[in-house]
Amino acid sequence: MKYLIGAGGTGGHIIPALAVAQELCCRGHEVCFVGNKGSMEEALVTNRSYRFLSINVQKLYRGFTIKHLKFPFLLLKSIVECIIYIKSEKPVCVFVTGGFVSGPLAIAAKIQRKPLFIQDGNSYPGLTTRISARYSHKIFIASEDAVSYLPANKCILTGNPILIKNMNERKDIDWNQSTLSKDTIKVLVLGGSQGSVIINKTFEQCINELRQMDIEIIWQAGKPYYFSHKEKYSQQTGIVMFDFTERIAGYYAMADVAITRAGALTIAELSEFRIPSVLIPLPTSAENHQFKNALAHVHKGGGILLPQSELTPESLLKALRRIVSELSEFKARMEAIPHNEATAKICNVMENDLQNLGSSNVR
């Protein structure tokens, strides 16, 4: 069967879609992606040799901007393009992962009467998901809190699909190929694919004290901060600094504690690797959904919530010291979090439902 997948905007929407695509292909199905031209999703999708069909849609900005004048025209044009794609590709269904990029494809699926499956990993689902949910077939969620905002009879709690698995335990790492030591505590700093300036600046003021505590550092700083600071830290022992990498699994395997935003995908990956974290939600995230993500994760024992409004070098060090001093307790609580089986669960439901609905020409 052929699945048409809509995803884009951020890694939090793209990576779960890629994980599902990979599983579907392993099961003998065909996938094709729809996303913005010249975007992150186009690069990530084509790098993996999937077919990519382009549209041009923009997000709906919260503040007033002249760009709002273009929004309805771009949206309408993208919907028409998605209708054409559905007619030409003849997919058995449409699968989207939330975010503004998937909106036109979800609307086109409704118009073309194709079964629509939605995946949204946030505790508070995004606007596109909340609107599309009313005409969806099934909605895959990662938090029970999301049910309050969606049709409960359509929701299935699966978790958030991830591409990486906790396959490389720390004992299997080739430390001879690393500049880091085997027996030290390591803190992993993540600020999203572009990095976080405020997290980077605050963390930088903690480095000397952390090194005095013999804590080593793995720092994903984002391109702007990395290129302006790499000379300063490239020769320092116990510090690995980079802009962004798709091969984050190796660093997850090394890390003991993380400092991070609270995107749903990042939390899912940290959970899989059992890494407790200091969660600093992005306060400008839509409907403050990162705060809700962080709160749900903290309730599971996954770390400490540190609002950005309270972020200082002192508060960050205090949170880190607490996790390091109680590391075994935090990891024990995280062991109670089930391992991630979201991708298989989602594919199982879609396959079974589509078979029950009849054929690849479902109406």
Protein backbone atom coordinates (compact mmCIF):
# COMPACT_ATOMS: atom_id res chain seq x y z
CA MET A 1 0.00 0.00 0.00
CA LYS A 2 1.08 3.57 -0.57
CA TYR A 3 1.02 6.07 2.30
CA LEU A 4 1.17 9.83 1.73
CA ILE A 5 2.90 11.55 4.66
CA GLY A 6 2.77 15.24 5.58
CA ALA A 7 5.36 16.61 7.99
CA GLY A 8 7.60 19.62 8.37
CA GLY A 9 8.62 22.79 10.12
CA THR A 10 10.72 21.32 12.93
CA GLY A 11 12.52 18.11 13.75
CA GLY A 12 9.78 17.37 16.29
CA HIS A 13 7.35 16.88 13.40
CA ILE A 14 9.75 15.46 10.81
CA ILE A 15 11.59 12.77 12.80
CA PRO A 16 8.43 10.92 13.95
CA ALA A 17 7.23 10.92 10.33
CA LEU A 18 10.57 9.49 9.17
CA ALA A 19 10.40 6.82 11.87
CA VAL A 20 6.95 5.72 10.71
CA ALA A 21 8.05 5.86 7.06
CA GLN A 22 11.03 3.64 7.81
CA GLU A 23 8.83 1.06 9.54
CA LEU A 24 6.25 1.10 6.75
CA CYS A 25 8.94 0.52 4.13
CA CYS A 26 10.34 -2.36 6.20
CA ARG A 27 6.86 -3.89 6.02
CA GLY A 28 6.82 -3.65 2.22
CA HIS A 29 4.74 -0.50 1.81
CA GLU A 30 5.53 2.61 -0.24
CA VAL A 31 5.73 6.13 1.19
CA CYS A 32 5.79 9.57 -0.31
CA PHE A 33 6.25 12.86 1.57
CA VAL A 34 4.65 16.28 1.21
CA GLY A 35 6.38 19.35 2.66
CA ASN A 36 7.68 22.84 2.03
CA LYS A 37 10.16 23.35 -0.79
CA GLY A 38 13.73 24.17 0.27
CA SER A 39 12.98 23.20 3.87
CA MET A 40 14.46 21.03 6.61
CA GLU A 41 11.93 18.34 5.77
CA GLU A 42 12.98 18.27 2.12
CA ALA A 43 16.64 17.85 3.09
CA LEU A 44 15.98 15.10 5.66
CA VAL A 45 13.51 13.23 3.46
CA THR A 46 15.53 13.30 0.24
CA ASN A 47 18.72 12.35 2.12
CA ARG A 48 16.93 9.10 2.93
CA SER A 49 15.87 8.63 -0.71
CA TYR A 50 12.13 9.04 -0.14
CA ARG A 51 10.07 10.79 -2.79
CA PHE A 52 9.22 14.37 -1.87
CA LEU A 53 6.37 16.50 -3.25
CA SER A 54 6.68 20.20 -2.52
CA ILE A 55 4.17 22.84 -1.50
CA ASN A 56 4.61 26.38 -0.19
CA VAL A 57 2.70 27.14 2.97
CA GLN A 58 3.59 29.45 5.84
CA LYS A 59 2.73 29.29 9.50
CA LEU A 60 0.15 31.56 11.07
CA TYR A 61 2.21 34.00 13.14
CA ARG A 62 0.82 35.00 16.53
CA GLY A 63 1.74 38.66 16.35
CA PHE A 64 0.60 41.04 13.60
CA THR A 65 2.79 40.85 10.51
CA ILE A 66 2.40 41.76 6.86
CA LYS A 67 3.05 38.09 6.11
CA HIS A 68 -0.50 37.35 7.27
CA LEU A 69 -1.74 38.81 3.97
CA LYS A 70 -0.08 35.95 2.09
CA PHE A 71 -1.34 33.20 4.38
CA PRO A 72 -4.79 32.47 2.87
CA PHE A 73 -3.46 32.48 -0.70
CA LEU A 74 -0.56 30.16 0.10
CA LEU A 75 -2.85 27.87 2.09
CA LEU A 76 -5.44 27.65 -0.70
CA LYS A 77 -2.76 27.02 -3.33
CA SER A 78 -1.18 24.33 -1.17
CA ILE A 79 -4.53 22.61 -0.60
CA VAL A 80 -5.12 22.47 -4.35
CA GLU A 81 -1.62 21.07 -4.89
CA CYS A 82 -2.23 18.42 -2.22
CA ILE A 83 -5.51 17.43 -3.87
CA ILE A 84 -3.62 16.96 -7.13
CA TYR A 85 -0.98 14.88 -5.32
CA ILE A 86 -3.62 12.64 -3.77
CA LYS A 87 -5.31 12.12 -7.14
CA SER A 88 -2.03 11.31 -8.91
CA GLU A 89 -0.44 9.20 -6.15
CA LYS A 90 -3.61 7.36 -5.14
CA PRO A 91 -2.48 6.64 -1.55
CA VAL A 92 -4.45 4.33 0.67
CA CYS A 93 -4.46 7.02 3.35
CA VAL A 94 -2.82 10.21 4.57
CA PHE A 95 -0.61 10.35 7.67
CA VAL A 96 0.42 13.70 9.20
CA THR A 97 2.40 14.66 12.28
CA GLY A 98 0.95 18.05 13.16
CA GLY A 99 2.40 21.48 12.49
CA PHE A 100 1.38 24.01 9.86
CA VAL A 101 3.10 22.16 7.01
CA SER A 102 0.78 19.17 7.34
CA GLY A 103 -2.37 21.33 7.39
CA PRO A 104 -3.02 21.53 3.63
CA LEU A 105 -2.54 17.78 3.17
CA ALA A 106 -4.94 17.04 6.04
CA ILE A 107 -7.59 19.30 4.47
CA ALA A 108 -7.01 17.72 1.06
CA ALA A 109 -7.47 14.27 2.61
CA LYS A 110 -10.86 15.34 3.92
CA ILE A 111 -11.89 16.72 0.52
CA GLN A 112 -10.72 13.57 -1.25
CA ARG A 113 -12.29 11.32 1.41
CA LYS A 114 -9.05 9.59 2.25
CA PRO A 115 -8.64 8.16 5.76
CA LEU A 116 -6.58 10.64 7.79
CA PHE A 117 -4.28 9.48 10.57
CA ILE A 118 -2.70 12.09 12.83
CA GLN A 119 0.26 11.82 15.19
CA ASP A 120 0.92 14.56 17.74
CA GLY A 121 3.40 14.02 20.55
CA ASN A 122 2.66 17.12 22.61
CA SER A 123 0.71 17.23 25.85
CA TYR A 124 -1.17 20.15 24.32
CA PRO A 125 -1.79 19.34 20.64
CA GLY A 126 -1.02 22.01 18.06
CA LEU A 127 -3.64 24.09 16.24
CA THR A 128 -3.41 22.02 13.05
CA THR A 129 -4.01 18.81 14.99
CA ARG A 130 -6.94 20.26 16.93
CA ILE A 131 -8.63 21.45 13.74
CA SER A 132 -7.91 18.31 11.71
CA ALA A 133 -8.91 15.98 14.55
CA ARG A 134 -12.62 16.37 13.91
CA TYR A 135 -12.39 14.67 10.49
CA SER A 136 -9.53 12.27 11.25
CA HIS A 137 -9.83 8.50 11.42
CA LYS A 138 -7.41 7.96 14.32
CA ILE A 139 -5.13 10.22 16.38
CA PHE A 140 -1.91 8.88 17.91
CA ILE A 141 -0.87 10.72 21.06
CA ALA A 142 2.05 10.55 23.49
CA SER A 143 0.37 12.01 26.56
CA GLU A 144 -2.95 11.29 28.23
CA ASP A 145 -3.28 15.03 28.78
CA ALA A 146 -3.83 15.48 25.03
CA VAL A 147 -7.14 13.62 25.18
CA SER A 148 -8.75 16.65 26.83
CA TYR A 149 -8.31 18.66 23.62
CA LEU A 150 -9.21 15.99 21.05
CA PRO A 151 -12.06 13.57 20.26
CA ALA A 152 -11.41 10.94 22.93
CA ASN A 153 -12.90 8.08 20.90
CA LYS A 154 -10.30 8.62 18.16
CA CYS A 155 -7.23 8.87 20.41
CA ILE A 156 -4.73 6.04 20.87
CA LEU A 157 -1.89 6.43 23.37
CA THR A 158 1.22 5.21 21.58
CA GLY A 159 4.08 7.47 22.62
CA ASN A 160 6.20 9.53 20.23
CA PRO A 161 7.94 7.72 17.32
CA ILE A 162 11.72 8.04 17.35
CA LEU A 163 14.37 7.00 14.85
CA ILE A 164 17.02 6.04 17.38
CA LYS A 165 16.91 3.22 19.88
CA ASN A 166 18.95 2.64 23.01
CA MET A 167 21.01 -0.06 21.33
CA ASN A 168 24.49 1.19 22.27
CA GLU A 169 25.00 0.86 25.98
CA ARG A 170 27.78 2.83 27.59
CA LYS A 171 29.92 -0.27 28.08
CA ASP A 172 29.99 -0.79 24.29
CA ILE A 173 31.35 2.67 23.46
CA ASP A 174 34.84 2.76 21.97
CA TRP A 175 36.30 5.33 24.33
CA ASN A 176 39.64 5.22 22.54
CA GLN A 177 37.94 7.03 19.67
CA SER A 178 36.53 9.69 21.98
CA THR A 179 38.11 12.74 23.58
CA LEU A 180 35.95 12.11 26.65
CA SER A 181 36.77 9.84 29.58
CA LYS A 182 34.95 6.62 30.34
CA ASP A 183 34.34 7.09 34.06
CA THR A 184 33.24 10.72 34.38
CA ILE A 185 29.76 12.18 34.70
CA LYS A 186 28.74 13.78 31.40
CA VAL A 187 26.17 16.50 30.82
CA LEU A 188 24.52 16.80 27.41
CA VAL A 189 23.28 20.27 26.40
CA LEU A 190 20.56 20.39 23.74
CA GLY A 191 18.91 23.54 22.47
CA GLY A 192 17.12 22.26 19.38
CA SER A 193 18.49 22.14 15.84
CA GLN A 194 19.25 25.88 15.91
CA GLY A 195 20.47 25.92 19.49
CA SER A 196 19.19 28.19 22.25
CA VAL A 197 21.05 31.43 22.86
CA ILE A 198 19.79 31.88 26.41
CA ILE A 199 20.60 28.28 27.39
CA ASN A 200 24.03 28.54 25.77
CA LYS A 201 24.89 31.82 27.47
CA THR A 202 23.72 30.63 30.88
CA PHE A 203 25.42 27.26 30.56
CA GLU A 204 28.70 28.87 29.50
CA GLN A 205 28.87 30.57 32.89
CA CYS A 206 28.65 27.14 34.56
CA ILE A 207 31.43 25.44 32.63
CA ASN A 208 34.34 26.26 34.95
CA GLU A 209 32.53 24.94 38.02
CA LEU A 210 31.37 21.82 36.20
CA ARG A 211 34.89 21.05 35.06
CA GLN A 212 36.15 21.55 38.61
CA MET A 213 33.62 18.89 39.61
CA ASP A 214 35.17 16.64 36.93
CA ILE A 215 31.95 16.74 34.91
CA GLU A 216 32.52 16.51 31.16
CA ILE A 217 30.41 18.32 28.58
CA ILE A 218 28.70 17.36 25.34
CA TRP A 219 27.32 20.59 23.89
CA GLN A 220 25.03 20.90 20.88
CA ALA A 221 25.14 24.68 20.53
CA GLY A 222 23.46 25.36 17.19
CA LYS A 223 25.25 26.88 14.21
CA PRO A 224 25.46 30.59 15.21
CA TYR A 225 26.80 29.94 18.72
CA TYR A 226 29.05 27.10 17.65
CA PHE A 227 30.82 29.04 14.92
CA SER A 228 31.37 32.05 17.17
CA HIS A 229 32.68 29.98 20.10
CA LYS A 230 34.27 26.83 18.65
CA GLU A 231 37.82 28.22 18.77
CA LYS A 232 37.44 28.96 22.46
CA TYR A 233 36.44 25.41 23.38
CA SER A 234 37.93 23.23 20.63
CA GLN A 235 41.19 22.67 22.55
CA GLN A 236 39.70 22.29 26.02
CA THR A 237 39.72 18.80 27.44
CA GLY A 238 36.46 17.32 28.62
CA ILE A 239 34.35 19.40 26.23
CA VAL A 240 32.84 18.26 22.92
CA MET A 241 31.06 21.10 21.13
CA PHE A 242 29.19 20.89 17.81
CA ASP A 243 26.44 22.70 15.94
CA PHE A 244 24.01 19.88 15.11
CA THR A 245 24.19 16.21 14.27
CA GLU A 246 21.73 13.59 13.09
CA ARG A 247 23.95 11.00 14.81
CA ILE A 248 22.94 12.02 18.29
CA ALA A 249 22.49 8.42 19.51
CA GLY A 250 26.19 8.04 20.33
CA TYR A 251 26.11 11.14 22.52
CA TYR A 252 22.92 9.97 24.22
CA ALA A 253 24.71 6.72 25.05
CA MET A 254 27.53 8.69 26.71
CA ALA A 255 25.40 11.18 28.63
CA ASP A 256 24.33 10.90 32.27
CA VAL A 257 22.23 14.06 32.52
CA ALA A 258 20.88 16.56 30.02
CA ILE A 259 19.99 20.25 29.84
CA THR A 260 17.34 20.72 27.22
CA ARG A 261 14.19 22.35 25.93
CA ALA A 262 11.00 20.32 26.30
CA GLY A 263 10.03 19.32 22.80
CA ALA A 264 8.08 16.07 22.63
CA LEU A 265 10.66 14.34 20.44
CA THR A 266 13.59 15.26 22.68
CA ILE A 267 11.74 14.02 25.75
CA ALA A 268 10.93 10.74 23.98
CA GLU A 269 14.59 10.24 23.06
CA LEU A 270 15.83 11.09 26.56
CA SER A 271 13.27 8.68 28.01
CA GLU A 272 14.47 5.87 25.75
CA PHE A 273 18.07 6.40 26.89
CA ARG A 274 17.03 6.88 30.55
CA ILE A 275 18.74 10.28 30.80
CA PRO A 276 17.30 12.57 33.53
CA SER A 277 17.22 16.18 32.47
CA VAL A 278 16.89 19.79 33.49
CA LEU A 279 13.97 20.85 31.32
CA ILE A 280 13.83 24.51 30.27
CA PRO A 281 10.63 24.89 28.20
CA LEU A 282 10.57 27.42 25.39
CA PRO A 283 8.17 30.05 26.77
CA THR A 284 7.08 31.16 23.28
CA SER A 285 6.04 27.67 22.19
CA ALA A 286 2.48 27.55 20.90
CA GLU A 287 0.00 27.54 23.79
CA ASN A 288 3.02 27.00 26.08
CA HIS A 289 2.93 23.32 25.09
CA GLN A 290 6.58 22.75 26.02
CA PHE A 291 5.80 23.63 29.63
CA LYS A 292 3.01 21.05 29.60
CA ASN A 293 5.37 18.48 28.05
CA ALA A 294 7.95 19.18 30.76
CA LEU A 295 5.41 18.97 33.56
CA ALA A 296 4.17 15.57 32.37
CA HIS A 297 7.74 14.27 32.10
CA VAL A 298 8.69 15.52 35.57
CA HIS A 299 5.65 13.74 37.01
CA LYS A 300 7.09 10.51 35.58
CA GLY A 301 10.35 11.18 37.41
CA GLY A 302 12.29 12.21 34.32
CA GLY A 303 13.95 15.33 35.67
CA ILE A 304 13.57 18.85 37.01
CA LEU A 305 11.51 21.67 35.52
CA LEU A 306 13.35 25.01 35.39
CA PRO A 307 11.26 27.80 33.80
CA GLN A 308 13.27 30.13 31.58
CA SER A 309 12.13 33.08 33.71
CA GLU A 310 14.05 31.50 36.61
CA LEU A 311 17.09 30.45 34.59
CA THR A 312 20.39 31.71 35.99
CA PRO A 313 23.82 30.09 36.30
CA GLU A 314 23.05 29.51 39.99
CA SER A 315 19.65 27.89 39.42
CA LEU A 316 21.02 25.74 36.62
CA LEU A 317 23.94 24.53 38.73
CA LYS A 318 21.61 23.82 41.64
CA ALA A 319 19.37 21.65 39.43
CA LEU A 320 22.36 19.83 37.94
CA ARG A 321 23.87 19.15 41.36
CA ARG A 322 20.61 17.68 42.56
CA ILE A 323 20.31 15.30 39.61
CA VAL A 324 23.96 14.26 39.86
CA SER A 325 23.67 13.62 43.61
CA GLU A 326 20.45 11.61 43.10
CA LEU A 327 21.39 10.10 39.76
CA SER A 328 20.64 6.49 40.69
CA GLU A 329 17.22 7.48 42.05
CA PHE A 330 16.33 9.45 38.92
CA LYS A 331 17.42 6.60 36.65
CA ALA A 332 15.47 4.08 38.73
CA ARG A 333 12.31 6.16 38.28
CA MET A 334 12.95 6.43 34.55
CA GLU A 335 13.31 2.66 34.29
CA ALA A 336 9.58 2.51 35.02
CA ILE A 337 8.90 4.39 31.76
CA PRO A 338 8.10 1.77 29.09
CA HIS A 339 10.55 1.50 26.20
CA ASN A 340 9.44 3.24 23.03
CA GLU A 341 7.27 1.06 20.78
CA ALA A 342 5.33 3.94 19.25
CA THR A 343 6.36 3.37 15.65
CA ALA A 344 5.29 -0.27 15.57
CA LYS A 345 2.02 0.50 17.39
CA ILE A 346 1.11 3.24 14.91
CA CYS A 347 1.90 1.09 11.87
CA ASN A 348 -0.05 -1.84 13.32
CA VAL A 349 -3.16 0.30 13.82
CA MET A 350 -2.98 1.84 10.35
CA GLU A 351 -2.47 -1.53 8.64
CA ASN A 352 -5.29 -3.21 10.56
CA ASP A 353 -7.75 -0.35 10.10
CA LEU A 354 -7.05 -0.02 6.39
CA GLN A 355 -7.48 -3.76 5.87
CA ASN A 356 -10.77 -3.60 7.75
CA LEU A 357 -11.92 -0.67 5.67
CA GLY A 358 -11.58 -2.81 2.56
CA SER A 359 -8.85 -2.02 0.07
CA SER A 360 -6.33 0.53 -1.15
CA ASN A 361 -9.22 2.36 -2.82
CA VAL A 362 -10.80 3.21 0.53
CA ARG A 363 -13.53 5.82 0.41
